[in-house]
Structures are given as C-alpha cells and as structure tokens.
Amino acid sequence: MSIKIAKFGGTSLATAQQFRKVAEILLSDNERIIVVPSAPGKRFDGDIKVTDMLIECYGMAITGDDFKKKIDDITQRFNDIKNELGIKVDIDSEMKTISEDMRNGASEAYVKSRGEFLSGKMLSALLGWKFVDPATVIVFKNSTTLDSVATYQNIKSECKDQKTVLPGYFGADGDGEIVTFSRGGSDITGALAAAAMDADVYENWTDVSGFYMADPRIVENVRHIEELSYEELRELSYMGAGVLHENAIFPVREKGIPINIKNTNKPQDEGTYIVPFSKLKKHELSITGVAGKRDFSIINIKKTSMNSELGFARRILSVLENHKISLEHMPTGIDTLSVVISNEFLKDKEDDVIRDIKKAINPDMIEIIPDLTLIATCGHGMVHHLGTAAKLFAALYENDINVRMIDQGSSELNIIVGIENDDYEKAVKAIYHQFVQ
C-alpha cells in the first residue's frame, strides 16, 4: 500500500464546516495515514487567525495586562467548532491550563503552539485517530536546530501502527521546552512526517489549487503550474509565492518524495506536483513563474580598486552581522558593491549601519535606496532559451519600469530585478504577459 501524509492549512480548519471537509478527504483514501493540522485560520476577510490571537494574548500577559477577554474569545472560537461538530474535547479545561501557564511565565513559543495543539485534539476526536503531541516526537537540539535523526525515529515509532493526528508547527528541546518553527512551519512538520515514514507523496492542502505562474490577484486568468522542481518551488516560495513554506522541501527532497499542493475546497483538482529535477517534465515556456516581495533597501557602495582590497566584502558583511541583519543579495562590479536588505532588518538602524560601514572600508561613496521590490523570474528552461533576459528587460522598458538592481544566481535558475515598490504589480503583469502570449 502507498503511504500519503496530509497537511492542512489554517483556512482548511477555520470552521466546523471546513473540519468536516478535511475529515471527508482523509477518510476517502485509506493511504492517508498521518494528518498534520494547523491552527484555525481566518474565516472571512478581516478575521484574526487563532495564532495571532494567542500572540496578542501572550503580549498582554508579559506586560501584566488582563488577558481574560482575549482568552475567552479564543475559547469561544474553539468551542463553536467543537459544538457544531458534536465532538468531546474539554476546550474550557485546556484553555484554563493555558491561562494558568501564561500567568506562571510560559514561553511565547508554548503559547503560539496551542492553536495547533487544540486543532489537533479536535481533529483527532472527529476522526477517531490517535493524537500525538509533537513535543514528544519533534526534537530540537536547541531553540533553532532540529535533531532530524531523533525526530524521524520518534515519528516512525509513534505513527507506524495507527492512523495519527500530529499537530504542526512545534516540537520541544531536550528540557521539554516548546520550540516552534517560523510561521507557516506546519508545512515543515508535514515534510518531516513524510520523510520519516518514507511516504510516496506529501499532500499539502490549502485554499488554492496549487501554484500559478504569477499571483492570481494581480494577473487575470493566470496559467496554473502542473509541475515544478524543488529548486523552482524554493525560489518562488522565498520570493513571495506563499503557498508553501520554502524550508518544507528539505526533508522530502532528501528522500525524493513528491509534494502535491491540493485545494481543500476543490479536492477533485489535480493541484501542483513538486518533484526532483530529474523527474521534471519539459515545460513549453522558458519560464516557470514570476514572484515578488516588497520593502527592501539597497546600500550602494563605491570604492576605486576595491577588487584588489583583501577582505573588502567580508568587512561589510561583518558590519551587517554585528547589527544582526540578514543579507538578501550582493551584486558587485569592479569598483562597486551593493547589498540588498529587507526594510524589516534595517529599520531604525540605517545611521548606525552606514557609520560602521564607512569606518570599516572608507568608501568613496555610499547611499541607501529605500522602498524597493524584488521581482524574480524563475525557471529551469531559462538557461536553454535564447533571449530570456532580453525579453524580461524589454517588458520592463516598454512599461516604463526603472530597474535599480539586477542579480542572477549562479544556477541560472532565476533573474532578480529591483524596482520601485509602486511598480510591483505593473512589473509582474508585464513580465508574465511577455512570456505568456
């Protein structure tokens, strides 16, 4: 028998009706042996995700504010689902424990993880499947490093004999302290379960039928992507195509397990398959997709003969490291170097960073260009089609879009351009229509 691991996102578990859809999908295929649920997401535009409610609650707890009303809102949210489903889960008792733990100084990671924990409890009761607390099987060596060997062994041991609900997003370290992945990390839990069980496919269920060549909110009638490689997925996910956490590919890529992105609300749709490059079908187009992220800054540095100065780039990177700033890209020329940084990391640090860079390298010129968008045009086919770059820049030129930065990865899998934030949607449309006639 084939083995399938299924992960369901927050929108798939936002209401009792959505829980029923999930149960129907799981029970319709006996090959689905582990389900990884997220915390309930938004029920409608303007709604608040349960995880965000918990984070707000934690913030009130550490400042000494009364968080009872917020706890009551979260309790009611879960009770509404439970009561409509007619299942037996003592939500009131669970939320009372969470409240007491917060008053006793529970960590933020613990509080954030309770949405997935309770979602898993309810799904377990609905399905009649075994519930496994991720804190007992997902092992972290410390607050950032996963012990994948121990994690795989634990999952296989706990889940091999019975269909299992394994909540996503969190695990625990050697001291039993809760550790969470970054937001969207339930995708990673699902991938770990798939790798541990040597699954034939990892199904990731969400509210869209897979990936599209561009954001369908920007481009009308955009083409659906039937198949893409792990590498293409990582590039597009990182650059804003937020269907799947970009780090979720690592566990399954090691085992060559395909990922199938599926739509909970349209389970009959084929979705998108993510596969090893060696198994990728040939695309008819030279690009696979276009994606972008807003709000970056470029620090442009000029110094004559910097290429002959040993340690020049290292000293700049050391300044960023000292300020705990992550680097996105670093295009260079013979006398110029640019570093691209998310505005989030540079916030309130600009003057200090510029001062320290000047002190470290004594540049001829240094400037910051703020509020830029990075647009990635991605695809394995780019390297095999003549004129891909020419078509890309022609599309931007013909639409009066000024390019402030150009960067191409060594794999030639993508070309990244930096443009003004205001040109973001216009650029995505222009590039897409240039390649898709």
Protein backbone atom coordinates (compact mmCIF):
# COMPACT_ATOMS: atom_id res chain seq x y z
CA MET A 1 0.00 0.00 0.00
CA SER A 2 1.16 3.52 -0.80
CA ILE A 3 1.69 5.97 2.06
CA LYS A 4 0.39 9.52 1.99
CA ILE A 5 1.00 12.24 4.56
CA ALA A 6 -1.52 15.09 4.52
CA LYS A 7 -1.06 18.56 5.98
CA PHE A 8 -3.95 21.03 6.17
CA GLY A 9 -3.51 24.79 6.49
CA GLY A 10 -5.38 27.24 8.69
CA THR A 11 -8.10 28.15 6.18
CA SER A 12 -8.84 24.42 5.82
CA LEU A 13 -9.61 24.27 9.56
CA ALA A 14 -11.15 27.67 10.21
CA THR A 15 -14.72 26.46 10.84
CA ALA A 16 -16.64 23.29 11.67
CA GLN A 17 -17.67 23.03 8.01
CA GLN A 18 -14.00 23.08 6.99
CA PHE A 19 -13.17 20.42 9.59
CA ARG A 20 -15.82 18.20 8.00
CA LYS A 21 -14.28 18.71 4.56
CA VAL A 22 -10.90 17.70 5.94
CA ALA A 23 -12.35 14.58 7.59
CA GLU A 24 -14.09 13.59 4.35
CA ILE A 25 -10.85 13.95 2.39
CA LEU A 26 -8.86 11.92 4.92
CA LEU A 27 -11.39 9.12 5.22
CA SER A 28 -11.85 8.87 1.45
CA ASP A 29 -8.36 7.41 0.95
CA ASN A 30 -7.00 4.69 3.23
CA GLU A 31 -3.45 5.53 2.15
CA ARG A 32 -3.52 8.76 4.18
CA ILE A 33 -2.03 7.63 7.49
CA ILE A 34 -0.85 10.85 9.17
CA VAL A 35 -2.53 14.24 9.15
CA VAL A 36 -0.76 17.44 10.24
CA PRO A 37 -3.24 20.21 11.15
CA SER A 38 -2.57 23.92 11.51
CA ALA A 39 -4.32 26.26 13.92
CA PRO A 40 -7.68 27.64 12.71
CA GLY A 41 -7.13 30.49 10.28
CA LYS A 42 -9.30 33.34 9.04
CA ARG A 43 -13.00 32.60 8.50
CA PHE A 44 -13.56 35.75 6.44
CA ASP A 45 -11.80 38.94 5.35
CA GLY A 46 -10.87 40.96 8.41
CA ASP A 47 -10.95 37.95 10.72
CA ILE A 48 -7.99 37.13 13.00
CA LYS A 49 -6.06 33.86 12.93
CA VAL A 50 -6.04 31.93 16.19
CA THR A 51 -2.23 32.04 16.33
CA ASP A 52 -2.29 35.84 16.08
CA MET A 53 -4.89 35.93 18.88
CA LEU A 54 -2.59 33.80 21.04
CA ILE A 55 0.41 36.03 20.30
CA GLU A 56 -1.62 39.08 21.31
CA CYS A 57 -2.68 37.27 24.47
CA TYR A 58 0.93 36.48 25.32
CA GLY A 59 1.91 40.11 24.82
CA MET A 60 -0.77 41.18 27.29
CA ALA A 61 0.41 38.57 29.80
CA ILE A 62 4.04 39.71 29.83
CA THR A 63 3.04 43.36 30.28
CA GLY A 64 0.72 42.49 33.13
CA ASP A 65 -2.48 43.41 31.29
CA ASP A 66 -5.68 41.48 31.86
CA PHE A 67 -5.95 38.94 29.04
CA LYS A 68 -9.16 37.21 30.21
CA LYS A 69 -11.32 38.73 27.45
CA LYS A 70 -8.85 37.59 24.79
CA ILE A 71 -8.69 34.08 26.29
CA ASP A 72 -12.48 33.98 26.32
CA ASP A 73 -12.56 34.92 22.62
CA ILE A 74 -10.15 32.10 21.75
CA THR A 75 -12.08 29.65 23.93
CA GLN A 76 -15.32 30.60 22.20
CA ARG A 77 -13.68 30.17 18.79
CA PHE A 78 -12.72 26.57 19.57
CA ASN A 79 -15.98 25.79 21.37
CA ASP A 80 -18.00 26.98 18.37
CA ILE A 81 -16.21 24.44 16.19
CA LYS A 82 -16.41 21.69 18.80
CA ASN A 83 -20.11 22.16 19.50
CA GLU A 84 -21.08 22.23 15.84
CA LEU A 85 -19.08 19.05 15.20
CA GLY A 86 -20.57 17.36 18.26
CA ILE A 87 -17.24 16.02 19.50
CA LYS A 88 -15.96 15.57 23.05
CA VAL A 89 -12.96 17.79 23.75
CA ASP A 90 -12.72 19.74 27.00
CA ILE A 91 -11.76 23.09 25.49
CA ASP A 92 -12.59 25.02 28.68
CA SER A 93 -10.18 22.91 30.72
CA GLU A 94 -7.44 23.15 28.08
CA MET A 95 -7.75 26.95 27.88
CA LYS A 96 -7.76 27.22 31.68
CA THR A 97 -4.43 25.37 31.73
CA ILE A 98 -3.02 27.69 29.05
CA SER A 99 -4.13 30.74 31.06
CA GLU A 100 -2.50 29.42 34.22
CA ASP A 101 0.69 28.60 32.33
CA MET A 102 0.84 32.16 30.98
CA ARG A 103 0.42 33.60 34.46
CA ASN A 104 3.29 31.38 35.58
CA GLY A 105 5.61 32.69 32.85
CA ALA A 106 5.05 30.28 29.95
CA SER A 107 7.20 30.99 26.89
CA GLU A 108 5.93 32.67 23.75
CA ALA A 109 6.65 29.51 21.76
CA TYR A 110 4.42 27.49 24.09
CA VAL A 111 1.56 29.97 23.80
CA LYS A 112 1.85 30.25 19.99
CA SER A 113 1.77 26.47 19.62
CA ARG A 114 -1.52 25.96 21.45
CA GLY A 115 -3.60 26.70 18.35
CA GLU A 116 -2.17 23.71 16.52
CA PHE A 117 -2.34 21.61 19.68
CA LEU A 118 -6.08 22.20 20.18
CA SER A 119 -6.83 21.94 16.49
CA GLY A 120 -5.17 18.52 16.54
CA LYS A 121 -7.15 17.46 19.60
CA MET A 122 -10.43 18.28 17.85
CA LEU A 123 -9.47 16.63 14.58
CA SER A 124 -8.39 13.51 16.47
CA ALA A 125 -11.80 13.35 18.20
CA LEU A 126 -13.61 13.86 14.90
CA LEU A 127 -11.67 11.15 13.04
CA GLY A 128 -11.15 8.70 15.89
CA TRP A 129 -7.42 8.72 15.09
CA LYS A 130 -4.54 8.62 17.56
CA PHE A 131 -3.31 12.01 18.83
CA VAL A 132 0.45 12.52 19.15
CA ASP A 133 1.81 15.62 20.86
CA PRO A 134 4.64 17.00 18.68
CA ALA A 135 6.53 17.92 21.87
CA THR A 136 7.13 14.19 22.36
CA VAL A 137 8.42 13.44 18.86
CA ILE A 138 9.75 16.59 17.12
CA VAL A 139 13.16 17.03 18.75
CA PHE A 140 15.21 20.23 18.79
CA LYS A 141 18.82 20.28 19.94
CA ASN A 142 18.33 23.93 20.95
CA SER A 143 15.99 26.80 20.11
CA THR A 144 16.94 26.76 16.43
CA THR A 145 18.42 23.38 15.47
CA LEU A 146 16.28 20.35 14.69
CA ASP A 147 17.52 16.84 15.50
CA SER A 148 16.17 15.18 12.38
CA VAL A 149 17.54 11.71 13.19
CA ALA A 150 15.77 11.53 16.54
CA THR A 151 12.66 13.14 15.06
CA TYR A 152 12.40 10.57 12.26
CA GLN A 153 12.87 7.71 14.71
CA ASN A 154 10.21 9.07 17.05
CA ILE A 155 7.63 9.70 14.34
CA LYS A 156 8.12 6.26 12.84
CA SER A 157 7.82 4.62 16.27
CA GLU A 158 4.69 6.55 17.31
CA CYS A 159 2.83 6.53 14.00
CA LYS A 160 3.61 3.21 12.33
CA ASP A 161 0.72 1.12 13.69
CA GLN A 162 -2.21 3.54 13.82
CA LYS A 163 -3.57 6.46 11.83
CA THR A 164 -2.34 9.58 13.56
CA VAL A 165 -3.04 13.27 14.07
CA LEU A 166 0.28 15.10 14.55
CA PRO A 167 -0.19 18.87 15.00
CA GLY A 168 2.17 21.08 13.05
CA TYR A 169 4.46 24.00 13.80
CA PHE A 170 6.20 22.93 17.01
CA GLY A 171 8.30 20.42 18.92
CA ALA A 172 10.43 20.54 22.06
CA ASP A 173 14.08 20.62 23.11
CA GLY A 174 15.85 18.23 25.50
CA ASP A 175 14.49 20.09 28.52
CA GLY A 176 10.92 19.76 27.30
CA GLU A 177 10.66 23.44 26.37
CA ILE A 178 8.42 24.12 23.38
CA VAL A 179 10.21 25.26 20.21
CA THR A 180 8.35 26.50 17.13
CA PHE A 181 9.34 26.68 13.50
CA SER A 182 8.89 30.03 11.77
CA ARG A 183 5.34 30.99 10.79
CA GLY A 184 3.90 28.54 8.29
CA GLY A 185 6.04 25.85 9.89
CA SER A 186 3.28 23.23 9.87
CA ASP A 187 4.43 22.64 6.30
CA ILE A 188 7.79 21.58 7.74
CA THR A 189 6.17 19.21 10.23
CA GLY A 190 4.30 17.54 7.37
CA ALA A 191 7.50 17.18 5.37
CA LEU A 192 9.29 15.65 8.38
CA ALA A 193 6.46 13.14 8.80
CA ALA A 194 6.62 12.25 5.10
CA ALA A 195 10.38 11.72 5.27
CA ALA A 196 10.15 9.69 8.50
CA MET A 197 7.54 7.36 7.03
CA ASP A 198 9.21 7.14 3.57
CA ALA A 199 5.91 8.33 2.11
CA ASP A 200 5.04 8.01 -1.56
CA VAL A 201 3.61 11.54 -1.59
CA TYR A 202 3.30 14.50 0.77
CA GLU A 203 -0.06 16.22 0.24
CA ASN A 204 -0.20 19.85 1.31
CA TRP A 205 -3.82 21.01 1.43
CA THR A 206 -4.61 24.71 1.30
CA ASP A 207 -7.18 27.11 -0.20
CA VAL A 208 -5.75 27.21 -3.73
CA SER A 209 -5.31 24.51 -6.35
CA GLY A 210 -1.54 24.66 -6.41
CA PHE A 211 0.91 27.19 -7.83
CA TYR A 212 0.28 29.68 -10.61
CA MET A 213 2.77 31.39 -12.90
CA ALA A 214 2.03 34.68 -11.12
CA ASP A 215 -0.15 35.92 -8.29
CA PRO A 216 -3.76 35.40 -9.50
CA ARG A 217 -4.74 38.51 -7.53
CA ILE A 218 -2.53 40.51 -9.90
CA VAL A 219 -2.80 38.67 -13.23
CA GLU A 220 -6.21 37.67 -14.55
CA ASN A 221 -6.65 34.17 -16.00
CA VAL A 222 -3.11 33.30 -15.00
CA ARG A 223 -1.77 29.88 -16.00
CA HIS A 224 -1.73 27.07 -13.48
CA ILE A 225 1.59 25.23 -12.95
CA GLU A 226 1.09 21.48 -13.16
CA GLU A 227 4.62 20.59 -12.09
CA LEU A 228 7.78 22.27 -10.87
CA SER A 229 11.05 21.23 -9.30
CA TYR A 230 12.09 21.50 -5.65
CA GLU A 231 14.51 24.28 -6.65
CA GLU A 232 11.86 26.25 -8.53
CA LEU A 233 9.50 25.86 -5.58
CA ARG A 234 12.08 27.23 -3.16
CA GLU A 235 12.83 30.24 -5.36
CA LEU A 236 9.16 31.10 -5.91
CA SER A 237 8.15 30.49 -2.27
CA TYR A 238 11.00 32.62 -0.96
CA MET A 239 10.08 35.44 -3.34
CA GLY A 240 6.51 35.66 -2.16
CA ALA A 241 4.54 32.83 -3.78
CA GLY A 242 3.26 31.90 -0.33
CA VAL A 243 1.59 28.56 -0.98
CA LEU A 244 4.25 26.52 0.84
CA HIS A 245 6.99 27.32 3.38
CA GLU A 246 10.27 27.42 1.45
CA ASN A 247 12.05 25.23 4.04
CA ALA A 248 9.49 22.44 3.76
CA ILE A 249 11.27 20.95 0.77
CA PHE A 250 14.43 19.85 2.58
CA PRO A 251 13.16 16.70 4.35
CA VAL A 252 11.27 15.41 1.29
CA ARG A 253 13.99 16.36 -1.19
CA GLU A 254 16.47 14.11 0.63
CA LYS A 255 14.10 11.18 0.09
CA GLY A 256 12.88 12.20 -3.38
CA ILE A 257 9.27 12.39 -2.15
CA PRO A 258 6.94 14.45 -4.37
CA ILE A 259 4.79 17.18 -2.85
CA ASN A 260 1.24 17.62 -4.11
CA ILE A 261 -0.33 21.03 -3.41
CA LYS A 262 -4.10 20.49 -3.20
CA ASN A 263 -7.24 22.56 -2.58
CA THR A 264 -9.40 21.53 0.39
CA ASN A 265 -12.40 23.23 -1.18
CA LYS A 266 -11.83 21.62 -4.59
CA PRO A 267 -10.35 18.21 -3.79
CA GLN A 268 -11.05 16.98 -7.32
CA ASP A 269 -8.47 19.43 -8.74
CA GLU A 270 -5.13 17.85 -9.61
CA GLY A 271 -3.14 20.62 -7.95
CA THR A 272 0.58 21.13 -8.47
CA TYR A 273 3.26 18.45 -8.09
CA ILE A 274 6.74 19.36 -6.83
CA VAL A 275 9.27 16.76 -7.95
CA PRO A 276 13.04 16.23 -8.28
CA PHE A 277 14.55 17.96 -11.29
CA SER A 278 15.45 14.57 -12.77
CA LYS A 279 11.74 13.70 -12.98
CA LEU A 280 10.56 17.10 -14.19
CA LYS A 281 8.68 17.17 -17.47
CA LYS A 282 9.82 19.64 -20.09
CA HIS A 283 7.95 22.96 -19.90
CA GLU A 284 6.73 24.55 -23.12
CA LEU A 285 7.65 28.02 -21.83
CA SER A 286 11.09 29.35 -20.98
CA ILE A 287 9.98 30.48 -17.52
CA THR A 288 8.07 28.68 -14.78
CA GLY A 289 6.82 31.66 -12.81
CA VAL A 290 7.15 35.26 -11.63
CA ALA A 291 7.01 36.28 -7.96
CA GLY A 292 7.93 39.32 -5.92
CA LYS A 293 8.43 40.75 -2.45
CA ARG A 294 8.11 44.38 -1.40
CA ASP A 295 10.01 46.61 1.01
CA PHE A 296 13.74 46.19 0.52
CA SER A 297 16.59 48.67 0.61
CA ILE A 298 19.83 48.68 -1.36
CA ILE A 299 23.04 50.02 0.12
CA ASN A 300 25.20 51.07 -2.83
CA ILE A 301 28.93 51.32 -2.10
CA LYS A 302 31.62 52.65 -4.42
CA LYS A 303 35.37 52.49 -3.88
CA THR A 304 38.06 52.61 -6.52
CA SER A 305 40.05 49.36 -6.85
CA MET A 306 38.03 47.64 -4.15
CA ASN A 307 38.53 44.37 -6.04
CA SER A 308 42.21 44.40 -5.09
CA GLU A 309 41.49 45.07 -1.42
CA LEU A 310 41.61 41.81 0.54
CA GLY A 311 38.67 41.29 2.90
CA PHE A 312 36.64 44.19 1.49
CA ALA A 313 33.32 42.33 1.24
CA ARG A 314 33.98 40.44 4.46
CA ARG A 315 34.26 43.69 6.44
CA ILE A 316 30.91 44.89 5.08
CA LEU A 317 29.26 41.59 5.93
CA SER A 318 30.76 41.73 9.41
CA VAL A 319 29.04 45.06 9.99
CA LEU A 320 25.71 43.54 8.98
CA GLU A 321 26.32 40.54 11.21
CA ASN A 322 27.13 42.76 14.18
CA HIS A 323 23.78 44.50 13.69
CA LYS A 324 22.00 41.14 13.26
CA ILE A 325 20.98 41.98 9.69
CA SER A 326 20.43 39.22 7.14
CA LEU A 327 21.67 39.76 3.59
CA GLU A 328 19.36 39.06 0.66
CA HIS A 329 21.64 39.70 -2.34
CA MET A 330 25.04 41.24 -3.06
CA PRO A 331 25.63 42.25 -6.71
CA THR A 332 29.15 43.54 -7.40
CA GLY A 333 31.23 45.35 -10.01
CA ILE A 334 34.93 46.17 -10.25
CA ASP A 335 34.58 49.34 -8.13
CA THR A 336 31.05 48.91 -6.77
CA LEU A 337 29.19 46.64 -4.43
CA SER A 338 25.54 46.62 -3.40
CA VAL A 339 23.86 44.86 -0.50
CA VAL A 340 20.13 44.22 -0.55
CA ILE A 341 18.42 44.13 2.85
CA SER A 342 14.82 43.79 3.97
CA ASN A 343 13.48 47.04 5.42
CA GLU A 344 12.38 44.99 8.41
CA PHE A 345 16.01 44.31 9.38
CA LEU A 346 17.28 47.79 8.54
CA LYS A 347 14.54 49.59 10.48
CA ASP A 348 15.90 52.15 12.97
CA LYS A 349 19.48 51.05 12.19
CA GLU A 350 20.29 52.96 9.00
CA ASP A 351 22.51 55.64 10.51
CA ASP A 352 24.45 53.17 12.66
CA VAL A 353 24.96 50.75 9.77
CA ILE A 354 26.19 53.47 7.40
CA ARG A 355 28.54 54.82 10.08
CA ASP A 356 30.03 51.39 10.74
CA ILE A 357 30.44 50.56 7.05
CA LYS A 358 32.25 53.86 6.48
CA LYS A 359 34.52 53.09 9.40
CA ALA A 360 35.20 49.55 8.13
CA ILE A 361 36.01 50.27 4.46
CA ASN A 362 36.33 54.07 3.98
CA PRO A 363 34.26 54.12 0.75
CA ASP A 364 34.35 56.83 -1.91
CA MET A 365 30.55 56.91 -1.91
CA ILE A 366 27.73 55.21 -0.04
CA GLU A 367 23.97 55.64 -0.40
CA ILE A 368 20.74 53.89 0.54
CA ILE A 369 17.91 53.39 -1.95
CA PRO A 370 14.80 52.54 0.08
CA ASP A 371 11.39 51.01 -0.63
CA LEU A 372 12.19 48.64 -3.46
CA THR A 373 10.51 45.46 -4.63
CA LEU A 374 12.44 42.40 -5.76
CA ILE A 375 10.91 40.52 -8.70
CA ALA A 376 12.18 37.02 -9.51
CA THR A 377 11.63 35.47 -12.92
CA CYS A 378 12.30 31.78 -12.42
CA GLY A 379 12.57 28.51 -14.32
CA HIS A 380 14.95 25.75 -15.37
CA GLY A 381 14.06 26.49 -19.00
CA MET A 382 15.62 29.96 -18.91
CA VAL A 383 19.14 28.67 -19.48
CA HIS A 384 18.10 26.78 -22.62
CA HIS A 385 16.15 29.59 -24.33
CA LEU A 386 17.97 32.39 -26.14
CA GLY A 387 16.82 35.91 -25.39
CA THR A 388 15.18 35.28 -22.00
CA ALA A 389 16.92 38.23 -20.36
CA ALA A 390 16.24 40.43 -23.39
CA LYS A 391 12.51 39.66 -23.21
CA LEU A 392 12.45 40.33 -19.49
CA PHE A 393 14.08 43.75 -19.72
CA ALA A 394 12.08 44.66 -22.83
CA ALA A 395 8.89 44.04 -20.85
CA LEU A 396 10.06 46.40 -18.11
CA TYR A 397 11.29 49.05 -20.57
CA GLU A 398 8.08 49.03 -22.59
CA ASN A 399 6.10 49.63 -19.39
CA ASP A 400 8.31 52.48 -18.14
CA ILE A 401 9.62 50.49 -15.19
CA ASN A 402 13.06 51.57 -13.99
CA VAL A 403 15.42 48.79 -12.87
CA ARG A 404 17.54 49.73 -9.85
CA MET A 405 19.30 46.39 -9.39
CA ILE A 406 19.96 43.18 -11.35
CA ASP A 407 21.11 39.86 -9.89
CA GLN A 408 21.29 36.38 -11.38
CA GLY A 409 22.04 33.25 -9.38
CA SER A 410 24.94 31.02 -10.36
CA SER A 411 22.50 28.22 -11.20
CA GLU A 412 20.90 30.48 -13.86
CA LEU A 413 17.56 29.43 -12.41
CA ASN A 414 16.32 32.99 -11.97
CA ILE A 415 16.90 36.65 -12.71
CA ILE A 416 16.09 39.09 -9.92
CA VAL A 417 15.47 42.78 -10.51
CA GLY A 418 14.96 45.56 -8.00
CA ILE A 419 12.28 48.12 -8.89
CA GLU A 420 10.25 50.79 -7.10
CA ASN A 421 7.55 49.47 -4.77
CA ASP A 422 4.90 51.36 -6.72
CA ASP A 423 5.76 49.40 -9.88
CA TYR A 424 5.33 45.96 -8.31
CA GLU A 425 2.01 44.86 -9.82
CA LYS A 426 2.72 46.52 -13.16
CA ALA A 427 6.04 44.66 -13.40
CA VAL A 428 4.53 41.27 -12.59
CA LYS A 429 1.87 41.75 -15.28
CA ALA A 430 4.40 42.98 -17.82
CA ILE A 431 6.83 40.09 -17.34
CA TYR A 432 4.08 37.46 -17.29
CA HIS A 433 2.45 38.69 -20.50
CA GLN A 434 5.82 38.99 -22.22
CA PHE A 435 6.43 35.25 -21.79
CA VAL A 436 2.84 34.00 -21.91
CA GLN A 437 1.13 35.22 -25.07
